[in-house]
Amino acid sequence: MARKKWKPAKLFRQVFFFIAGALLTGFLTVFFAKFLEHFINRHFSVVIGVGLAVAITLWITQLIKHPPFLLKGTSPLVAGFCAALGVHVAKVWLS
């Protein structure tokens, strides 16, 4: 099996989309959490905000054909649900 070579342009593209995706996820999480906090308690607004942010970010990166290499075949809804569940468990355990 031949090994793929990492070219500088491909590496730069992966790093760029990683950073852009992380920033987009962070901004969307804060936005959704603050918006939902008006309607439901803070714990669940953060959990739902993270889930929505992850799902939307993965959906956008799949639309532009640059999903994170570890999540290439994953549904954005499944990834968002898993992220929200992880945040919920972490918040319950840490409180």
PDB file of N, CA and C in Angstrom:
ATOM      1  N   MET A   1       0.848  -1.175   0.000  1.00  0.00           N
ATOM      2  CA  MET A   1       0.000   0.000   0.000  1.00  0.00           C
ATOM      3  C   MET A   1       0.897   1.242   0.000  1.00  0.00           C
ATOM      4  N   ALA A   2       0.654   2.110  -0.933  1.00  0.00           N
ATOM      5  CA  ALA A   2       1.472   3.313  -1.066  1.00  0.00           C
ATOM      6  C   ALA A   2       1.061   4.351  -0.031  1.00  0.00           C
ATOM      7  N   ARG A   3       2.049   5.004   0.506  1.00  0.00           N
ATOM      8  CA  ARG A   3       1.776   6.070   1.475  1.00  0.00           C
ATOM      9  C   ARG A   3       1.515   7.369   0.732  1.00  0.00           C
ATOM     10  N   LYS A   4       0.538   8.101   1.220  1.00  0.00           N
ATOM     11  CA  LYS A   4       0.250   9.401   0.618  1.00  0.00           C
ATOM     12  C   LYS A   4       1.241  10.419   1.161  1.00  0.00           C
ATOM     13  N   LYS A   5       1.729  11.269   0.264  1.00  0.00           N
ATOM     14  CA  LYS A   5       2.632  12.335   0.694  1.00  0.00           C
ATOM     15  C   LYS A   5       1.821  13.553   1.093  1.00  0.00           C
ATOM     16  N   TRP A   6       2.260  14.165   2.159  1.00  0.00           N
ATOM     17  CA  TRP A   6       1.633  15.410   2.600  1.00  0.00           C
ATOM     18  C   TRP A   6       2.311  16.561   1.886  1.00  0.00           C
ATOM     19  N   LYS A   7       1.569  17.208   1.022  1.00  0.00           N
ATOM     20  CA  LYS A   7       2.091  18.377   0.320  1.00  0.00           C
ATOM     21  C   LYS A   7       1.773  19.607   1.153  1.00  0.00           C
ATOM     22  N   PRO A   8       2.604  20.648   1.059  1.00  0.00           N
ATOM     23  CA  PRO A   8       2.365  21.859   1.873  1.00  0.00           C
ATOM     24  C   PRO A   8       0.980  22.470   1.652  1.00  0.00           C
ATOM     25  N   ALA A   9       0.496  22.468   0.416  1.00  0.00           N
ATOM     26  CA  ALA A   9      -0.817  23.060   0.146  1.00  0.00           C
ATOM     27  C   ALA A   9      -1.925  22.263   0.831  1.00  0.00           C
ATOM     28  N   LYS A  10      -1.826  20.939   0.800  1.00  0.00           N
ATOM     29  CA  LYS A  10      -2.838  20.106   1.448  1.00  0.00           C
ATOM     30  C   LYS A  10      -2.782  20.265   2.964  1.00  0.00           C
ATOM     31  N   LEU A  11      -1.598  20.334   3.513  1.00  0.00           N
ATOM     32  CA  LEU A  11      -1.436  20.522   4.952  1.00  0.00           C
ATOM     33  C   LEU A  11      -1.986  21.885   5.377  1.00  0.00           C
ATOM     34  N   PHE A  12      -1.678  22.921   4.609  1.00  0.00           N
ATOM     35  CA  PHE A  12      -2.190  24.260   4.909  1.00  0.00           C
ATOM     36  C   PHE A  12      -3.718  24.274   4.874  1.00  0.00           C
ATOM     37  N   ARG A  13      -4.307  23.608   3.863  1.00  0.00           N
ATOM     38  CA  ARG A  13      -5.758  23.560   3.731  1.00  0.00           C
ATOM     39  C   ARG A  13      -6.388  22.851   4.934  1.00  0.00           C
ATOM     40  N   GLN A  14      -5.787  21.736   5.382  1.00  0.00           N
ATOM     41  CA  GLN A  14      -6.310  21.021   6.547  1.00  0.00           C
ATOM     42  C   GLN A  14      -6.243  21.891   7.806  1.00  0.00           C
ATOM     43  N   VAL A  15      -5.111  22.578   7.995  1.00  0.00           N
ATOM     44  CA  VAL A  15      -4.946  23.443   9.172  1.00  0.00           C
ATOM     45  C   VAL A  15      -5.922  24.614   9.109  1.00  0.00           C
ATOM     46  N   PHE A  16      -6.080  25.203   7.927  1.00  0.00           N
ATOM     47  CA  PHE A  16      -7.001  26.328   7.773  1.00  0.00           C
ATOM     48  C   PHE A  16      -8.425  25.930   8.124  1.00  0.00           C
ATOM     49  N   PHE A  17      -8.893  24.813   7.565  1.00  0.00           N
ATOM     50  CA  PHE A  17     -10.271  24.396   7.832  1.00  0.00           C
ATOM     51  C   PHE A  17     -10.450  23.913   9.262  1.00  0.00           C
ATOM     52  N   PHE A  18      -9.401  23.395   9.880  1.00  0.00           N
ATOM     53  CA  PHE A  18      -9.474  23.022  11.294  1.00  0.00           C
ATOM     54  C   PHE A  18      -9.684  24.264  12.159  1.00  0.00           C
ATOM     55  N   ILE A  19      -8.881  25.296  11.911  1.00  0.00           N
ATOM     56  CA  ILE A  19      -8.981  26.534  12.695  1.00  0.00           C
ATOM     57  C   ILE A  19     -10.310  27.247  12.405  1.00  0.00           C
ATOM     58  N   ALA A  20     -10.691  27.327  11.133  1.00  0.00           N
ATOM     59  CA  ALA A  20     -11.950  27.982  10.775  1.00  0.00           C
ATOM     60  C   ALA A  20     -13.141  27.235  11.369  1.00  0.00           C
ATOM     61  N   GLY A  21     -13.099  25.919  11.343  1.00  0.00           N
ATOM     62  CA  GLY A  21     -14.182  25.129  11.921  1.00  0.00           C
ATOM     63  C   GLY A  21     -14.269  25.293  13.430  1.00  0.00           C
ATOM     64  N   ALA A  22     -13.108  25.345  14.078  1.00  0.00           N
ATOM     65  CA  ALA A  22     -13.100  25.528  15.531  1.00  0.00           C
ATOM     66  C   ALA A  22     -13.661  26.898  15.908  1.00  0.00           C
ATOM     67  N   LEU A  23     -13.272  27.932  15.172  1.00  0.00           N
ATOM     68  CA  LEU A  23     -13.795  29.275  15.446  1.00  0.00           C
ATOM     69  C   LEU A  23     -15.295  29.362  15.188  1.00  0.00           C
ATOM     70  N   LEU A  24     -15.740  28.774  14.078  1.00  0.00           N
ATOM     71  CA  LEU A  24     -17.164  28.791  13.759  1.00  0.00           C
ATOM     72  C   LEU A  24     -17.960  28.037  14.823  1.00  0.00           C
ATOM     73  N   THR A  25     -17.460  26.887  15.257  1.00  0.00           N
ATOM     74  CA  THR A  25     -18.136  26.123  16.300  1.00  0.00           C
ATOM     75  C   THR A  25     -18.211  26.928  17.597  1.00  0.00           C
ATOM     76  N   GLY A  26     -17.127  27.583  17.956  1.00  0.00           N
ATOM     77  CA  GLY A  26     -17.115  28.390  19.177  1.00  0.00           C
ATOM     78  C   GLY A  26     -18.098  29.546  19.125  1.00  0.00           C
ATOM     79  N   PHE A  27     -18.088  30.290  18.026  1.00  0.00           N
ATOM     80  CA  PHE A  27     -19.002  31.420  17.896  1.00  0.00           C
ATOM     81  C   PHE A  27     -20.461  30.963  17.885  1.00  0.00           C
ATOM     82  N   LEU A  28     -20.742  29.892  17.136  1.00  0.00           N
ATOM     83  CA  LEU A  28     -22.115  29.394  17.093  1.00  0.00           C
ATOM     84  C   LEU A  28     -22.574  28.872  18.447  1.00  0.00           C
ATOM     85  N   THR A  29     -21.678  28.231  19.186  1.00  0.00           N
ATOM     86  CA  THR A  29     -22.025  27.729  20.510  1.00  0.00           C
ATOM     87  C   THR A  29     -22.425  28.874  21.434  1.00  0.00           C
ATOM     88  N   VAL A  30     -21.623  29.919  21.448  1.00  0.00           N
ATOM     89  CA  VAL A  30     -21.933  31.071  22.301  1.00  0.00           C
ATOM     90  C   VAL A  30     -23.248  31.712  21.871  1.00  0.00           C
ATOM     91  N   PHE A  31     -23.442  31.879  20.582  1.00  0.00           N
ATOM     92  CA  PHE A  31     -24.667  32.501  20.087  1.00  0.00           C
ATOM     93  C   PHE A  31     -25.903  31.690  20.470  1.00  0.00           C
ATOM     94  N   PHE A  32     -25.882  30.390  20.162  1.00  0.00           N
ATOM     95  CA  PHE A  32     -27.042  29.547  20.470  1.00  0.00           C
ATOM     96  C   PHE A  32     -27.274  29.426  21.974  1.00  0.00           C
ATOM     97  N   ALA A  33     -26.202  29.304  22.744  1.00  0.00           N
ATOM     98  CA  ALA A  33     -26.359  29.168  24.198  1.00  0.00           C
ATOM     99  C   ALA A  33     -26.991  30.427  24.799  1.00  0.00           C
ATOM    100  N   LYS A  34     -26.526  31.590  24.378  1.00  0.00           N
ATOM    101  CA  LYS A  34     -27.085  32.843  24.903  1.00  0.00           C
ATOM    102  C   LYS A  34     -28.526  33.055  24.434  1.00  0.00           C
ATOM    103  N   PHE A  35     -28.812  32.694  23.199  1.00  0.00           N
ATOM    104  CA  PHE A  35     -30.169  32.838  22.679  1.00  0.00           C
ATOM    105  C   PHE A  35     -31.130  31.896  23.400  1.00  0.00           C
ATOM    106  N   LEU A  36     -30.751  30.633  23.534  1.00  0.00           N
ATOM    107  CA  LEU A  36     -31.631  29.648  24.159  1.00  0.00           C
ATOM    108  C   LEU A  36     -31.773  29.854  25.668  1.00  0.00           C
ATOM    109  N   GLU A  37     -30.814  30.558  26.263  1.00  0.00           N
ATOM    110  CA  GLU A  37     -30.865  30.814  27.701  1.00  0.00           C
ATOM    111  C   GLU A  37     -32.098  31.638  28.091  1.00  0.00           C
ATOM    112  N   HIS A  38     -32.650  32.370  27.139  1.00  0.00           N
ATOM    113  CA  HIS A  38     -33.859  33.153  27.410  1.00  0.00           C
ATOM    114  C   HIS A  38     -35.088  32.261  27.563  1.00  0.00           C
ATOM    115  N   PHE A  39     -35.031  31.051  27.008  1.00  0.00           N
ATOM    116  CA  PHE A  39     -36.192  30.175  26.993  1.00  0.00           C
ATOM    117  C   PHE A  39     -36.067  28.962  27.915  1.00  0.00           C
ATOM    118  N   ILE A  40     -34.841  28.447  28.100  1.00  0.00           N
ATOM    119  CA  ILE A  40     -34.629  27.262  28.938  1.00  0.00           C
ATOM    120  C   ILE A  40     -33.454  27.528  29.868  1.00  0.00           C
ATOM    121  N   ASN A  41     -33.246  26.636  30.839  1.00  0.00           N
ATOM    122  CA  ASN A  41     -32.171  26.900  31.800  1.00  0.00           C
ATOM    123  C   ASN A  41     -30.794  26.797  31.138  1.00  0.00           C
ATOM    124  N   ARG A  42     -29.794  27.306  31.825  1.00  0.00           N
ATOM    125  CA  ARG A  42     -28.460  27.463  31.242  1.00  0.00           C
ATOM    126  C   ARG A  42     -27.813  26.136  30.866  1.00  0.00           C
ATOM    127  N   HIS A  43     -27.970  25.125  31.705  1.00  0.00           N
ATOM    128  CA  HIS A  43     -27.344  23.832  31.427  1.00  0.00           C
ATOM    129  C   HIS A  43     -27.781  23.296  30.066  1.00  0.00           C
ATOM    130  N   PHE A  44     -29.082  23.253  29.836  1.00  0.00           N
ATOM    131  CA  PHE A  44     -29.584  22.695  28.586  1.00  0.00           C
ATOM    132  C   PHE A  44     -29.367  23.629  27.408  1.00  0.00           C
ATOM    133  N   SER A  45     -29.310  24.923  27.644  1.00  0.00           N
ATOM    134  CA  SER A  45     -29.033  25.835  26.531  1.00  0.00           C
ATOM    135  C   SER A  45     -27.609  25.647  26.017  1.00  0.00           C
ATOM    136  N   VAL A  46     -26.669  25.393  26.918  1.00  0.00           N
ATOM    137  CA  VAL A  46     -25.284  25.143  26.494  1.00  0.00           C
ATOM    138  C   VAL A  46     -25.189  23.807  25.762  1.00  0.00           C
ATOM    139  N   VAL A  47     -25.851  22.798  26.300  1.00  0.00           N
ATOM    140  CA  VAL A  47     -25.810  21.470  25.674  1.00  0.00           C
ATOM    141  C   VAL A  47     -26.391  21.518  24.262  1.00  0.00           C
ATOM    142  N   ILE A  48     -27.548  22.118  24.126  1.00  0.00           N
ATOM    143  CA  ILE A  48     -28.182  22.216  22.805  1.00  0.00           C
ATOM    144  C   ILE A  48     -27.370  23.127  21.891  1.00  0.00           C
ATOM    145  N   GLY A  49     -26.798  24.198  22.439  1.00  0.00           N
ATOM    146  CA  GLY A  49     -25.967  25.095  21.643  1.00  0.00           C
ATOM    147  C   GLY A  49     -24.752  24.401  21.061  1.00  0.00           C
ATOM    148  N   VAL A  50     -24.101  23.569  21.850  1.00  0.00           N
ATOM    149  CA  VAL A  50     -22.941  22.824  21.355  1.00  0.00           C
ATOM    150  C   VAL A  50     -23.362  21.845  20.269  1.00  0.00           C
ATOM    151  N   GLY A  51     -24.444  21.129  20.511  1.00  0.00           N
ATOM    152  CA  GLY A  51     -24.920  20.176  19.504  1.00  0.00           C
ATOM    153  C   GLY A  51     -25.259  20.847  18.185  1.00  0.00           C
ATOM    154  N   LEU A  52     -25.980  21.960  18.246  1.00  0.00           N
ATOM    155  CA  LEU A  52     -26.319  22.694  17.031  1.00  0.00           C
ATOM    156  C   LEU A  52     -25.084  23.248  16.335  1.00  0.00           C
ATOM    157  N   ALA A  53     -24.153  23.781  17.111  1.00  0.00           N
ATOM    158  CA  ALA A  53     -22.940  24.360  16.525  1.00  0.00           C
ATOM    159  C   ALA A  53     -22.105  23.307  15.814  1.00  0.00           C
ATOM    160  N   VAL A  54     -21.945  22.154  16.427  1.00  0.00           N
ATOM    161  CA  VAL A  54     -21.165  21.082  15.797  1.00  0.00           C
ATOM    162  C   VAL A  54     -21.860  20.596  14.533  1.00  0.00           C
ATOM    163  N   ALA A  55     -23.169  20.390  14.605  1.00  0.00           N
ATOM    164  CA  ALA A  55     -23.904  19.913  13.435  1.00  0.00           C
ATOM    165  C   ALA A  55     -23.829  20.908  12.273  1.00  0.00           C
ATOM    166  N   ILE A  56     -24.018  22.182  12.560  1.00  0.00           N
ATOM    167  CA  ILE A  56     -23.980  23.200  11.502  1.00  0.00           C
ATOM    168  C   ILE A  56     -22.579  23.330  10.918  1.00  0.00           C
ATOM    169  N   THR A  57     -21.558  23.308  11.771  1.00  0.00           N
ATOM    170  CA  THR A  57     -20.183  23.412  11.277  1.00  0.00           C
ATOM    171  C   THR A  57     -19.830  22.234  10.384  1.00  0.00           C
ATOM    172  N   LEU A  58     -20.183  21.024  10.792  1.00  0.00           N
ATOM    173  CA  LEU A  58     -19.897  19.863   9.941  1.00  0.00           C
ATOM    174  C   LEU A  58     -20.696  19.899   8.657  1.00  0.00           C
ATOM    175  N   TRP A  59     -21.919  20.366   8.722  1.00  0.00           N
ATOM    176  CA  TRP A  59     -22.733  20.466   7.522  1.00  0.00           C
ATOM    177  C   TRP A  59     -22.108  21.456   6.532  1.00  0.00           C
ATOM    178  N   ILE A  60     -21.646  22.589   7.038  1.00  0.00           N
ATOM    179  CA  ILE A  60     -21.012  23.594   6.164  1.00  0.00           C
ATOM    180  C   ILE A  60     -19.712  23.059   5.575  1.00  0.00           C
ATOM    181  N   THR A  61     -18.889  22.411   6.391  1.00  0.00           N
ATOM    182  CA  THR A  61     -17.623  21.890   5.856  1.00  0.00           C
ATOM    183  C   THR A  61     -17.860  20.774   4.848  1.00  0.00           C
ATOM    184  N   GLN A  62     -18.926  19.997   5.006  1.00  0.00           N
ATOM    185  CA  GLN A  62     -19.233  18.979   4.003  1.00  0.00           C
ATOM    186  C   GLN A  62     -19.759  19.610   2.724  1.00  0.00           C
ATOM    187  N   LEU A  63     -20.462  20.734   2.845  1.00  0.00           N
ATOM    188  CA  LEU A  63     -20.941  21.432   1.651  1.00  0.00           C
ATOM    189  C   LEU A  63     -19.779  21.958   0.808  1.00  0.00           C
ATOM    190  N   ILE A  64     -18.728  22.429   1.468  1.00  0.00           N
ATOM    191  CA  ILE A  64     -17.583  22.960   0.718  1.00  0.00           C
ATOM    192  C   ILE A  64     -16.510  21.903   0.501  1.00  0.00           C
ATOM    193  N   LYS A  65     -16.862  20.643   0.780  1.00  0.00           N
ATOM    194  CA  LYS A  65     -16.022  19.476   0.489  1.00  0.00           C
ATOM    195  C   LYS A  65     -14.728  19.425   1.284  1.00  0.00           C
ATOM    196  N   HIS A  66     -14.736  19.953   2.498  1.00  0.00           N
ATOM    197  CA  HIS A  66     -13.556  19.877   3.363  1.00  0.00           C
ATOM    198  C   HIS A  66     -13.929  19.469   4.780  1.00  0.00           C
ATOM    199  N   PRO A  67     -14.554  18.287   4.953  1.00  0.00           N
ATOM    200  CA  PRO A  67     -14.862  17.867   6.321  1.00  0.00           C
ATOM    201  C   PRO A  67     -13.584  17.478   7.056  1.00  0.00           C
ATOM    202  N   PRO A  68     -13.596  17.540   8.370  1.00  0.00           N
ATOM    203  CA  PRO A  68     -12.423  17.089   9.125  1.00  0.00           C
ATOM    204  C   PRO A  68     -12.117  15.639   8.773  1.00  0.00           C
ATOM    205  N   PHE A  69     -10.844  15.314   8.603  1.00  0.00           N
ATOM    206  CA  PHE A  69     -10.474  13.992   8.098  1.00  0.00           C
ATOM    207  C   PHE A  69     -10.927  12.858   9.004  1.00  0.00           C
ATOM    208  N   LEU A  70     -11.106  13.083  10.284  1.00  0.00           N
ATOM    209  CA  LEU A  70     -11.582  12.026  11.176  1.00  0.00           C
ATOM    210  C   LEU A  70     -13.093  11.831  11.089  1.00  0.00           C
ATOM    211  N   LEU A  71     -13.809  12.828  10.623  1.00  0.00           N
ATOM    212  CA  LEU A  71     -15.269  12.774  10.572  1.00  0.00           C
ATOM    213  C   LEU A  71     -15.795  12.765   9.144  1.00  0.00           C
ATOM    214  N   LYS A  72     -15.004  12.269   8.205  1.00  0.00           N
ATOM    215  CA  LYS A  72     -15.355  12.353   6.794  1.00  0.00           C
ATOM    216  C   LYS A  72     -16.682  11.668   6.456  1.00  0.00           C
ATOM    217  N   GLY A  73     -16.990  10.519   7.023  1.00  0.00           N
ATOM    218  CA  GLY A  73     -18.209   9.814   6.672  1.00  0.00           C
ATOM    219  C   GLY A  73     -19.315   9.939   7.703  1.00  0.00           C
ATOM    220  N   THR A  74     -19.157  10.837   8.664  1.00  0.00           N
ATOM    221  CA  THR A  74     -20.113  10.960   9.759  1.00  0.00           C
ATOM    222  C   THR A  74     -21.221  11.947   9.416  1.00  0.00           C
ATOM    223  N   SER A  75     -22.437  11.609   9.807  1.00  0.00           N
ATOM    224  CA  SER A  75     -23.556  12.529   9.625  1.00  0.00           C
ATOM    225  C   SER A  75     -23.396  13.701  10.590  1.00  0.00           C
ATOM    226  N   PRO A  76     -23.637  14.937  10.140  1.00  0.00           N
ATOM    227  CA  PRO A  76     -23.541  16.080  11.045  1.00  0.00           C
ATOM    228  C   PRO A  76     -24.496  15.991  12.229  1.00  0.00           C
ATOM    229  N   LEU A  77     -25.685  15.437  12.017  1.00  0.00           N
ATOM    230  CA  LEU A  77     -26.635  15.318  13.125  1.00  0.00           C
ATOM    231  C   LEU A  77     -26.141  14.346  14.187  1.00  0.00           C
ATOM    232  N   VAL A  78     -25.543  13.245  13.751  1.00  0.00           N
ATOM    233  CA  VAL A  78     -25.004  12.268  14.707  1.00  0.00           C
ATOM    234  C   VAL A  78     -23.845  12.889  15.481  1.00  0.00           C
ATOM    235  N   ALA A  79     -22.957  13.590  14.779  1.00  0.00           N
ATOM    236  CA  ALA A  79     -21.821  14.227  15.452  1.00  0.00           C
ATOM    237  C   ALA A  79     -22.299  15.305  16.421  1.00  0.00           C
ATOM    238  N   GLY A  80     -23.295  16.074  16.021  1.00  0.00           N
ATOM    239  CA  GLY A  80     -23.848  17.105  16.915  1.00  0.00           C
ATOM    240  C   GLY A  80     -24.499  16.502  18.141  1.00  0.00           C
ATOM    241  N   PHE A  81     -25.238  15.411  17.956  1.00  0.00           N
ATOM    242  CA  PHE A  81     -25.868  14.735  19.085  1.00  0.00           C
ATOM    243  C   PHE A  81     -24.817  14.177  20.041  1.00  0.00           C
ATOM    244  N   CYS A  82     -23.773  13.560  19.493  1.00  0.00           N
ATOM    245  CA  CYS A  82     -22.710  13.007  20.346  1.00  0.00           C
ATOM    246  C   CYS A  82     -21.981  14.118  21.104  1.00  0.00           C
ATOM    247  N   ALA A  83     -21.751  15.241  20.449  1.00  0.00           N
ATOM    248  CA  ALA A  83     -21.096  16.363  21.127  1.00  0.00           C
ATOM    249  C   ALA A  83     -21.973  16.908  22.244  1.00  0.00           C
ATOM    250  N   ALA A  84     -23.263  17.055  21.973  1.00  0.00           N
ATOM    251  CA  ALA A  84     -24.182  17.555  23.002  1.00  0.00           C
ATOM    252  C   ALA A  84     -24.277  16.586  24.175  1.00  0.00           C
ATOM    253  N   LEU A  85     -24.328  15.304  23.882  1.00  0.00           N
ATOM    254  CA  LEU A  85     -24.370  14.307  24.944  1.00  0.00           C
ATOM    255  C   LEU A  85     -23.092  14.337  25.775  1.00  0.00           C
ATOM    256  N   GLY A  86     -21.954  14.505  25.118  1.00  0.00           N
ATOM    257  CA  GLY A  86     -20.681  14.609  25.834  1.00  0.00           C
ATOM    258  C   GLY A  86     -20.626  15.818  26.744  1.00  0.00           C
ATOM    259  N   VAL A  87     -21.127  16.944  26.275  1.00  0.00           N
ATOM    260  CA  VAL A  87     -21.148  18.157  27.102  1.00  0.00           C
ATOM    261  C   VAL A  87     -22.091  17.970  28.281  1.00  0.00           C
ATOM    262  N   HIS A  88     -23.237  17.353  28.044  1.00  0.00           N
ATOM    263  CA  HIS A  88     -24.192  17.111  29.125  1.00  0.00           C
ATOM    264  C   HIS A  88     -23.569  16.234  30.211  1.00  0.00           C
ATOM    265  N   VAL A  89     -22.938  15.148  29.813  1.00  0.00           N
ATOM    266  CA  VAL A  89     -22.305  14.246  30.779  1.00  0.00           C
ATOM    267  C   VAL A  89     -21.186  14.967  31.529  1.00  0.00           C
ATOM    268  N   ALA A  90     -20.381  15.732  30.820  1.00  0.00           N
ATOM    269  CA  ALA A  90     -19.282  16.442  31.472  1.00  0.00           C
ATOM    270  C   ALA A  90     -19.808  17.481  32.474  1.00  0.00           C
ATOM    271  N   LYS A  91     -20.848  18.216  32.100  1.00  0.00           N
ATOM    272  CA  LYS A  91     -21.398  19.223  33.008  1.00  0.00           C
ATOM    273  C   LYS A  91     -22.028  18.583  34.238  1.00  0.00           C
ATOM    274  N   VAL A  92     -22.681  17.436  34.057  1.00  0.00           N
ATOM    275  CA  VAL A  92     -23.284  16.744  35.210  1.00  0.00           C
ATOM    276  C   VAL A  92     -22.202  16.221  36.135  1.00  0.00           C
ATOM    277  N   TRP A  93     -21.161  15.623  35.580  1.00  0.00           N
ATOM    278  CA  TRP A  93     -20.084  15.068  36.405  1.00  0.00           C
ATOM    279  C   TRP A  93     -19.284  16.157  37.110  1.00  0.00           C
ATOM    280  N   LEU A  94     -19.099  17.297  36.466  1.00  0.00           N
ATOM    281  CA  LEU A  94     -18.280  18.350  37.051  1.00  0.00           C
ATOM    282  C   LEU A  94     -19.037  19.198  38.063  1.00  0.00           C
ATOM    283  N   SER A  95     -20.348  19.124  38.087  1.00  0.00           N
ATOM    284  CA  SER A  95     -21.088  19.954  39.038  1.00  0.00           C
ATOM    285  C   SER A  95     -21.405  19.214  40.321  1.00  0.00           C
TER     286      SER A  95
END
